[in-house]
């Protein structure tokens, strides 16, 4: 029996108004938008190819990050279609692919590195010492939790 191989896309949802994520957004809504975009660009054939393996594995509305699973054969169909997503929940939105991986573990490792980088850029933009101290504390906590033992 042959193993079914997947690709995992780490995607950032970028809202045009610059605000944080939509609290009412869920995996089902994102799945519908992805399916609609594939149908619009690639038609019934593309939708049929992608729909069987398409799955939103992780969605964090606060950080606006999602991990989407798709078959290895058809991930390019999904990736090209994500450019057509212009609104979710009647809010102007675009998608940006941050990482493409073969396993969820590789995507999680990428997200850890990405979040550390985001914290370091926030540290440079701090205006008060209290904010700086809080972000330094978060960076140190993240380094302790990812250190191999």
N, C-alpha and C. Protein backbone atom coordinates (compact mmCIF):
# COMPACT_ATOMS: atom_id res chain seq x y z
N UNK A 1 0.84 -1.18 0.00
CA UNK A 1 0.00 0.00 0.00
C UNK A 1 0.89 1.25 0.00
N UNK A 2 0.55 2.19 -0.81
CA UNK A 2 1.34 3.41 -0.95
C UNK A 2 0.84 4.47 0.01
N UNK A 3 1.76 5.15 0.63
CA UNK A 3 1.43 6.21 1.57
C UNK A 3 0.95 7.44 0.81
N UNK A 4 -0.09 8.09 1.31
CA UNK A 4 -0.61 9.29 0.69
C UNK A 4 0.23 10.48 1.16
N UNK A 5 0.88 11.17 0.24
CA UNK A 5 1.82 12.23 0.60
C UNK A 5 1.15 13.60 0.49
N UNK A 6 1.48 14.44 1.44
CA UNK A 6 0.87 15.77 1.54
C UNK A 6 1.92 16.86 1.48
N UNK A 7 1.46 18.07 1.28
CA UNK A 7 2.24 19.28 1.46
C UNK A 7 1.44 20.17 2.41
N UNK A 8 2.17 20.88 3.22
CA UNK A 8 1.56 21.78 4.20
C UNK A 8 2.01 23.20 3.89
N UNK A 9 1.05 24.09 3.74
CA UNK A 9 1.35 25.49 3.45
C UNK A 9 1.09 26.31 4.71
N UNK A 10 2.07 27.08 5.13
CA UNK A 10 1.90 28.02 6.23
C UNK A 10 1.55 29.35 5.58
N UNK A 11 0.36 29.84 5.89
CA UNK A 11 -0.19 31.01 5.21
C UNK A 11 -0.50 32.09 6.24
N UNK A 12 -0.19 33.32 5.87
CA UNK A 12 -0.55 34.47 6.69
C UNK A 12 -1.70 35.21 6.02
N UNK A 13 -2.73 35.52 6.78
CA UNK A 13 -3.85 36.30 6.27
C UNK A 13 -3.56 37.76 6.55
N UNK A 14 -3.48 38.56 5.51
CA UNK A 14 -3.14 39.98 5.64
C UNK A 14 -4.39 40.81 5.38
N UNK A 15 -4.90 41.45 6.42
CA UNK A 15 -6.09 42.28 6.28
C UNK A 15 -5.68 43.66 5.78
N UNK A 16 -6.45 44.19 4.84
CA UNK A 16 -6.12 45.46 4.20
C UNK A 16 -6.20 46.64 5.18
N UNK A 17 -7.08 46.56 6.17
CA UNK A 17 -7.20 47.66 7.12
C UNK A 17 -6.12 47.64 8.19
N UNK A 18 -5.25 46.63 8.16
CA UNK A 18 -4.12 46.57 9.08
C UNK A 18 -4.47 46.10 10.47
N UNK A 19 -5.70 45.66 10.69
CA UNK A 19 -6.10 45.25 12.02
C UNK A 19 -5.71 43.80 12.27
N UNK A 20 -5.91 43.39 13.50
CA UNK A 20 -5.62 42.00 13.83
C UNK A 20 -6.71 41.10 13.27
N UNK A 21 -6.63 39.83 13.56
CA UNK A 21 -7.53 38.85 12.96
C UNK A 21 -8.98 39.00 13.36
N UNK A 22 -9.80 38.34 12.60
CA UNK A 22 -11.24 38.33 12.83
C UNK A 22 -11.56 37.18 13.77
N UNK A 23 -12.07 37.49 14.96
CA UNK A 23 -12.33 36.47 15.97
C UNK A 23 -13.39 35.46 15.53
N UNK A 24 -14.28 35.85 14.64
CA UNK A 24 -15.35 34.95 14.21
C UNK A 24 -14.92 34.02 13.08
N UNK A 25 -13.72 34.20 12.55
CA UNK A 25 -13.23 33.33 11.47
C UNK A 25 -12.90 31.95 12.03
N UNK A 26 -13.33 30.92 11.32
CA UNK A 26 -13.01 29.56 11.73
C UNK A 26 -12.47 28.77 10.54
N UNK A 27 -12.07 27.54 10.81
CA UNK A 27 -11.46 26.70 9.78
C UNK A 27 -12.42 26.43 8.63
N UNK A 28 -13.70 26.25 8.94
CA UNK A 28 -14.69 25.95 7.90
C UNK A 28 -14.84 27.10 6.92
N UNK A 29 -14.84 28.32 7.44
CA UNK A 29 -14.97 29.49 6.56
C UNK A 29 -13.76 29.64 5.66
N UNK A 30 -12.56 29.44 6.21
CA UNK A 30 -11.35 29.51 5.41
C UNK A 30 -11.34 28.40 4.36
N UNK A 31 -11.79 27.20 4.74
CA UNK A 31 -11.89 26.09 3.80
C UNK A 31 -12.81 26.44 2.62
N UNK A 32 -13.96 27.05 2.93
CA UNK A 32 -14.91 27.45 1.87
C UNK A 32 -14.30 28.47 0.93
N UNK A 33 -13.57 29.43 1.48
CA UNK A 33 -12.94 30.46 0.64
C UNK A 33 -11.86 29.85 -0.25
N UNK A 34 -11.08 28.91 0.30
CA UNK A 34 -10.05 28.25 -0.50
C UNK A 34 -10.68 27.44 -1.63
N UNK A 35 -11.73 26.71 -1.31
CA UNK A 35 -12.41 25.89 -2.30
C UNK A 35 -13.03 26.76 -3.40
N UNK A 36 -13.59 27.89 -2.99
CA UNK A 36 -14.19 28.81 -3.97
C UNK A 36 -13.13 29.40 -4.89
N UNK A 37 -11.95 29.72 -4.35
CA UNK A 37 -10.88 30.28 -5.17
C UNK A 37 -10.34 29.26 -6.17
N UNK A 38 -10.20 28.00 -5.74
CA UNK A 38 -9.74 26.95 -6.65
C UNK A 38 -10.75 26.74 -7.76
N UNK A 39 -12.03 26.73 -7.42
CA UNK A 39 -13.08 26.55 -8.42
C UNK A 39 -13.09 27.70 -9.42
N UNK A 40 -12.85 28.90 -8.95
CA UNK A 40 -12.86 30.06 -9.83
C UNK A 40 -11.69 30.04 -10.82
N UNK A 41 -10.51 29.68 -10.36
CA UNK A 41 -9.33 29.71 -11.22
C UNK A 41 -9.16 28.45 -12.06
N UNK A 42 -9.38 27.29 -11.48
CA UNK A 42 -9.09 26.03 -12.16
C UNK A 42 -10.32 25.23 -12.56
N UNK A 43 -11.49 25.70 -12.22
CA UNK A 43 -12.72 25.04 -12.64
C UNK A 43 -13.02 23.78 -11.84
N UNK A 44 -13.93 22.97 -12.40
CA UNK A 44 -14.37 21.76 -11.71
C UNK A 44 -13.24 20.75 -11.55
N UNK A 45 -12.38 20.65 -12.55
CA UNK A 45 -11.29 19.68 -12.47
C UNK A 45 -10.34 20.01 -11.31
N UNK A 46 -9.94 21.28 -11.21
CA UNK A 46 -9.05 21.69 -10.13
C UNK A 46 -9.70 21.52 -8.77
N UNK A 47 -10.98 21.87 -8.68
CA UNK A 47 -11.69 21.74 -7.41
C UNK A 47 -11.79 20.27 -6.99
N UNK A 48 -12.03 19.39 -7.95
CA UNK A 48 -12.14 17.96 -7.64
C UNK A 48 -10.79 17.40 -7.20
N UNK A 49 -9.72 17.84 -7.83
CA UNK A 49 -8.38 17.35 -7.46
C UNK A 49 -8.00 17.79 -6.06
N UNK A 50 -8.29 19.01 -5.72
CA UNK A 50 -7.84 19.58 -4.45
C UNK A 50 -8.77 19.24 -3.30
N UNK A 51 -10.07 19.15 -3.58
CA UNK A 51 -11.06 19.04 -2.51
C UNK A 51 -10.87 17.79 -1.64
N UNK A 52 -10.45 16.70 -2.24
CA UNK A 52 -10.32 15.45 -1.49
C UNK A 52 -9.25 15.54 -0.40
N UNK A 53 -8.19 16.27 -0.67
CA UNK A 53 -7.09 16.32 0.29
C UNK A 53 -6.99 17.66 1.03
N UNK A 54 -7.79 18.62 0.65
CA UNK A 54 -7.71 19.95 1.27
C UNK A 54 -8.22 19.90 2.70
N UNK A 55 -7.44 20.48 3.61
CA UNK A 55 -7.82 20.50 5.02
C UNK A 55 -7.09 21.65 5.70
N UNK A 56 -7.82 22.43 6.48
CA UNK A 56 -7.20 23.49 7.28
C UNK A 56 -6.86 22.86 8.63
N UNK A 57 -5.58 22.61 8.85
CA UNK A 57 -5.13 21.92 10.05
C UNK A 57 -5.02 22.83 11.26
N UNK A 58 -4.69 24.09 11.03
CA UNK A 58 -4.44 25.01 12.14
C UNK A 58 -4.81 26.41 11.70
N UNK A 59 -5.50 27.14 12.56
CA UNK A 59 -5.83 28.53 12.29
C UNK A 59 -5.77 29.30 13.59
N UNK A 60 -4.93 30.32 13.62
CA UNK A 60 -4.84 31.21 14.78
C UNK A 60 -5.30 32.58 14.31
N UNK A 61 -6.45 33.02 14.81
CA UNK A 61 -7.01 34.28 14.34
C UNK A 61 -6.26 35.48 14.92
N UNK A 62 -5.57 35.31 16.03
CA UNK A 62 -4.84 36.43 16.61
C UNK A 62 -3.56 36.73 15.85
N UNK A 63 -2.83 35.68 15.46
CA UNK A 63 -1.60 35.88 14.69
C UNK A 63 -1.85 35.85 13.19
N UNK A 64 -3.07 35.48 12.79
CA UNK A 64 -3.50 35.42 11.38
C UNK A 64 -2.68 34.39 10.60
N UNK A 65 -2.33 33.28 11.24
CA UNK A 65 -1.55 32.23 10.61
C UNK A 65 -2.41 30.97 10.48
N UNK A 66 -2.28 30.31 9.33
CA UNK A 66 -3.00 29.05 9.10
C UNK A 66 -2.04 28.03 8.49
N UNK A 67 -2.27 26.77 8.82
CA UNK A 67 -1.56 25.66 8.18
C UNK A 67 -2.60 24.88 7.39
N UNK A 68 -2.35 24.75 6.09
CA UNK A 68 -3.29 24.11 5.19
C UNK A 68 -2.63 22.88 4.58
N UNK A 69 -3.34 21.75 4.62
CA UNK A 69 -2.83 20.51 4.05
C UNK A 69 -3.46 20.27 2.69
N UNK A 70 -2.63 19.80 1.77
CA UNK A 70 -3.09 19.48 0.42
C UNK A 70 -2.23 18.32 -0.10
N UNK A 71 -2.71 17.64 -1.13
CA UNK A 71 -1.91 16.55 -1.68
C UNK A 71 -0.67 17.10 -2.37
N UNK A 72 0.36 16.30 -2.38
CA UNK A 72 1.63 16.73 -2.97
C UNK A 72 1.49 16.97 -4.47
N UNK A 73 0.61 16.24 -5.12
CA UNK A 73 0.43 16.38 -6.56
C UNK A 73 -0.25 17.70 -6.93
N UNK A 74 -1.10 18.22 -6.03
CA UNK A 74 -1.95 19.35 -6.40
C UNK A 74 -1.73 20.60 -5.55
N UNK A 75 -0.62 20.67 -4.83
CA UNK A 75 -0.43 21.85 -3.97
C UNK A 75 -0.24 23.12 -4.79
N UNK A 76 0.28 23.00 -6.02
CA UNK A 76 0.48 24.19 -6.85
C UNK A 76 -0.85 24.77 -7.32
N UNK A 77 -1.85 23.91 -7.50
CA UNK A 77 -3.19 24.38 -7.85
C UNK A 77 -3.73 25.24 -6.71
N UNK A 78 -3.58 24.75 -5.49
CA UNK A 78 -4.05 25.49 -4.32
C UNK A 78 -3.25 26.78 -4.13
N UNK A 79 -1.95 26.68 -4.26
CA UNK A 79 -1.09 27.84 -4.04
C UNK A 79 -1.39 28.96 -5.04
N UNK A 80 -1.60 28.60 -6.29
CA UNK A 80 -1.90 29.64 -7.28
C UNK A 80 -3.29 30.23 -7.07
N UNK A 81 -4.20 29.46 -6.53
CA UNK A 81 -5.56 29.95 -6.33
C UNK A 81 -5.69 30.87 -5.12
N UNK A 82 -4.77 30.75 -4.17
CA UNK A 82 -4.88 31.59 -2.97
C UNK A 82 -4.72 33.08 -3.29
N UNK A 83 -4.11 33.39 -4.41
CA UNK A 83 -3.97 34.80 -4.79
C UNK A 83 -5.32 35.44 -5.11
N UNK A 84 -6.32 34.62 -5.40
CA UNK A 84 -7.64 35.15 -5.75
C UNK A 84 -8.50 35.49 -4.54
N UNK A 85 -8.07 35.09 -3.36
CA UNK A 85 -8.86 35.39 -2.16
C UNK A 85 -8.70 36.88 -1.86
N UNK A 86 -9.79 37.60 -1.93
CA UNK A 86 -9.77 39.04 -1.71
C UNK A 86 -10.55 39.48 -0.47
N UNK A 87 -11.46 38.63 0.00
CA UNK A 87 -12.20 39.00 1.20
C UNK A 87 -12.63 37.74 1.95
N UNK A 88 -12.62 37.84 3.26
CA UNK A 88 -13.12 36.80 4.14
C UNK A 88 -13.98 37.49 5.17
N UNK A 89 -15.23 37.03 5.33
CA UNK A 89 -16.19 37.67 6.24
C UNK A 89 -16.41 39.13 5.88
N UNK A 90 -16.47 39.44 4.62
CA UNK A 90 -16.70 40.80 4.12
C UNK A 90 -15.62 41.79 4.57
N UNK A 91 -14.42 41.30 4.82
CA UNK A 91 -13.27 42.16 5.11
C UNK A 91 -12.23 41.93 4.04
N UNK A 92 -11.66 43.01 3.53
CA UNK A 92 -10.64 42.90 2.50
C UNK A 92 -9.44 42.16 3.07
N UNK A 93 -9.01 41.13 2.37
CA UNK A 93 -7.97 40.26 2.88
C UNK A 93 -7.17 39.68 1.72
N UNK A 94 -5.90 39.45 1.95
CA UNK A 94 -5.07 38.73 0.99
C UNK A 94 -4.28 37.68 1.75
N UNK A 95 -3.71 36.73 1.01
CA UNK A 95 -2.94 35.67 1.65
C UNK A 95 -1.49 35.76 1.21
N UNK A 96 -0.62 35.34 2.11
CA UNK A 96 0.80 35.32 1.82
C UNK A 96 1.36 33.99 2.31
N UNK A 97 1.94 33.22 1.41
CA UNK A 97 2.52 31.93 1.79
C UNK A 97 3.88 32.18 2.42
N UNK A 98 4.02 31.72 3.66
CA UNK A 98 5.27 31.90 4.39
C UNK A 98 6.20 30.71 4.25
N UNK A 99 5.63 29.50 4.14
CA UNK A 99 6.45 28.29 4.15
C UNK A 99 5.68 27.16 3.48
N UNK A 100 6.41 26.29 2.82
CA UNK A 100 5.85 25.07 2.24
C UNK A 100 6.65 23.91 2.80
N UNK A 101 5.98 22.97 3.45
CA UNK A 101 6.68 21.86 4.08
C UNK A 101 6.04 20.53 3.78
N UNK A 102 6.79 19.47 4.03
CA UNK A 102 6.31 18.12 3.80
C UNK A 102 5.67 17.51 5.04
N UNK A 103 5.92 18.10 6.21
CA UNK A 103 5.34 17.58 7.46
C UNK A 103 4.84 18.74 8.30
N UNK A 104 3.93 18.42 9.21
CA UNK A 104 3.44 19.45 10.13
C UNK A 104 4.57 19.87 11.07
N UNK A 105 5.42 18.93 11.43
CA UNK A 105 6.53 19.25 12.33
C UNK A 105 7.45 20.30 11.73
N UNK A 106 7.74 20.21 10.44
CA UNK A 106 8.60 21.22 9.81
C UNK A 106 7.90 22.58 9.81
N UNK A 107 6.59 22.58 9.64
CA UNK A 107 5.85 23.84 9.70
C UNK A 107 5.85 24.43 11.10
N UNK A 108 5.74 23.57 12.11
CA UNK A 108 5.80 24.05 13.48
C UNK A 108 7.16 24.64 13.81
N UNK A 109 8.21 23.99 13.35
CA UNK A 109 9.55 24.54 13.57
C UNK A 109 9.71 25.90 12.89
N UNK A 110 9.17 26.00 11.67
CA UNK A 110 9.23 27.28 10.98
C UNK A 110 8.47 28.35 11.76
N UNK A 111 7.29 28.00 12.27
CA UNK A 111 6.49 28.98 13.01
C UNK A 111 7.20 29.46 14.28
N UNK A 112 7.92 28.57 14.93
CA UNK A 112 8.70 28.97 16.11
C UNK A 112 9.75 29.99 15.72
N UNK A 113 10.50 29.70 14.64
CA UNK A 113 11.52 30.66 14.18
C UNK A 113 10.87 31.97 13.74
N UNK A 114 9.75 31.89 13.05
CA UNK A 114 9.06 33.08 12.57
C UNK A 114 8.57 33.94 13.73
N UNK A 115 8.00 33.30 14.76
CA UNK A 115 7.51 34.05 15.91
C UNK A 115 8.64 34.71 16.69
N UNK A 116 9.78 34.02 16.81
CA UNK A 116 10.94 34.64 17.47
C UNK A 116 11.41 35.87 16.70
N UNK A 117 11.44 35.77 15.39
CA UNK A 117 11.83 36.90 14.56
C UNK A 117 10.85 38.06 14.72
N UNK A 118 9.57 37.74 14.78
CA UNK A 118 8.56 38.79 14.99
C UNK A 118 8.74 39.47 16.34
N UNK A 119 9.05 38.68 17.37
CA UNK A 119 9.27 39.27 18.69
C UNK A 119 10.50 40.18 18.70
N UNK A 120 11.53 39.78 17.99
CA UNK A 120 12.74 40.63 17.94
C UNK A 120 12.46 41.94 17.20
N UNK A 121 11.65 41.89 16.15
CA UNK A 121 11.32 43.15 15.46
C UNK A 121 10.43 44.02 16.34
N UNK A 122 9.54 43.39 17.12
CA UNK A 122 8.73 44.17 18.05
C UNK A 122 9.59 44.82 19.13
N UNK A 123 10.63 44.13 19.55
CA UNK A 123 11.53 44.67 20.57
C UNK A 123 12.19 45.95 20.10
N UNK A 124 12.54 46.01 18.84
CA UNK A 124 13.16 47.22 18.29
C UNK A 124 12.18 48.38 18.19
N UNK A 125 10.90 48.09 18.12
CA UNK A 125 9.89 49.13 17.96
C UNK A 125 9.27 49.57 19.28
N UNK A 126 9.73 49.03 20.40
CA UNK A 126 9.16 49.37 21.71
C UNK A 126 9.43 50.82 22.07
N UNK A 127 8.43 51.42 22.71
CA UNK A 127 8.58 52.82 23.10
C UNK A 127 8.85 52.99 24.59
N UNK A 128 8.53 52.00 25.39
CA UNK A 128 8.74 52.13 26.83
C UNK A 128 9.58 50.96 27.35
N UNK A 129 10.27 51.16 28.48
CA UNK A 129 11.07 50.07 29.06
C UNK A 129 10.22 48.89 29.54
N UNK A 130 8.97 49.16 29.94
CA UNK A 130 8.10 48.07 30.39
C UNK A 130 7.77 47.13 29.23
N UNK A 131 7.49 47.71 28.08
CA UNK A 131 7.22 46.90 26.89
C UNK A 131 8.45 46.08 26.51
N UNK A 132 9.60 46.72 26.56
CA UNK A 132 10.85 46.02 26.21
C UNK A 132 11.10 44.86 27.16
N UNK A 133 10.89 45.08 28.44
CA UNK A 133 11.12 44.02 29.43
C UNK A 133 10.16 42.85 29.20
N UNK A 134 8.92 43.14 28.87
CA UNK A 134 7.93 42.09 28.61
C UNK A 134 8.31 41.26 27.38
N UNK A 135 8.75 41.90 26.33
CA UNK A 135 9.11 41.19 25.10
C UNK A 135 10.39 40.38 25.31
N UNK A 136 11.36 40.92 26.06
CA UNK A 136 12.58 40.17 26.37
C UNK A 136 12.22 38.92 27.17
N UNK A 137 11.28 39.05 28.08
CA UNK A 137 10.81 37.91 28.87
C UNK A 137 10.18 36.85 27.96
N UNK A 138 9.39 37.27 27.00
CA UNK A 138 8.77 36.33 26.05
C UNK A 138 9.81 35.63 25.18
N UNK A 139 10.82 36.37 24.76
CA UNK A 139 11.88 35.77 23.94
C UNK A 139 12.64 34.72 24.75
N UNK A 140 12.97 35.05 25.98
CA UNK A 140 13.69 34.09 26.84
C UNK A 140 12.84 32.85 27.12
N UNK A 141 11.56 33.03 27.34
CA UNK A 141 10.66 31.89 27.57
C UNK A 141 10.57 31.00 26.34
N UNK A 142 10.56 31.61 25.17
CA UNK A 142 10.47 30.80 23.94
C UNK A 142 11.78 30.05 23.68
N UNK A 143 12.91 30.64 24.04
CA UNK A 143 14.19 29.95 23.86
C UNK A 143 14.33 28.78 24.83
N UNK A 144 13.81 28.91 26.04
CA UNK A 144 13.87 27.82 27.00
C UNK A 144 12.99 26.65 26.56
N UNK A 145 11.83 26.96 26.01
CA UNK A 145 10.89 25.88 25.64
C UNK A 145 11.34 25.14 24.38
N UNK A 146 12.19 25.72 23.54
CA UNK A 146 12.61 25.05 22.32
C UNK A 146 14.01 24.47 22.40
N UNK A 147 14.67 24.61 23.57
CA UNK A 147 16.02 24.07 23.72
C UNK A 147 15.93 22.56 23.86
N UNK A 148 16.69 21.78 23.06
CA UNK A 148 16.65 20.33 23.19
C UNK A 148 17.26 19.88 24.52
N UNK A 149 16.64 18.85 25.11
CA UNK A 149 17.11 18.37 26.41
C UNK A 149 17.63 16.97 26.32
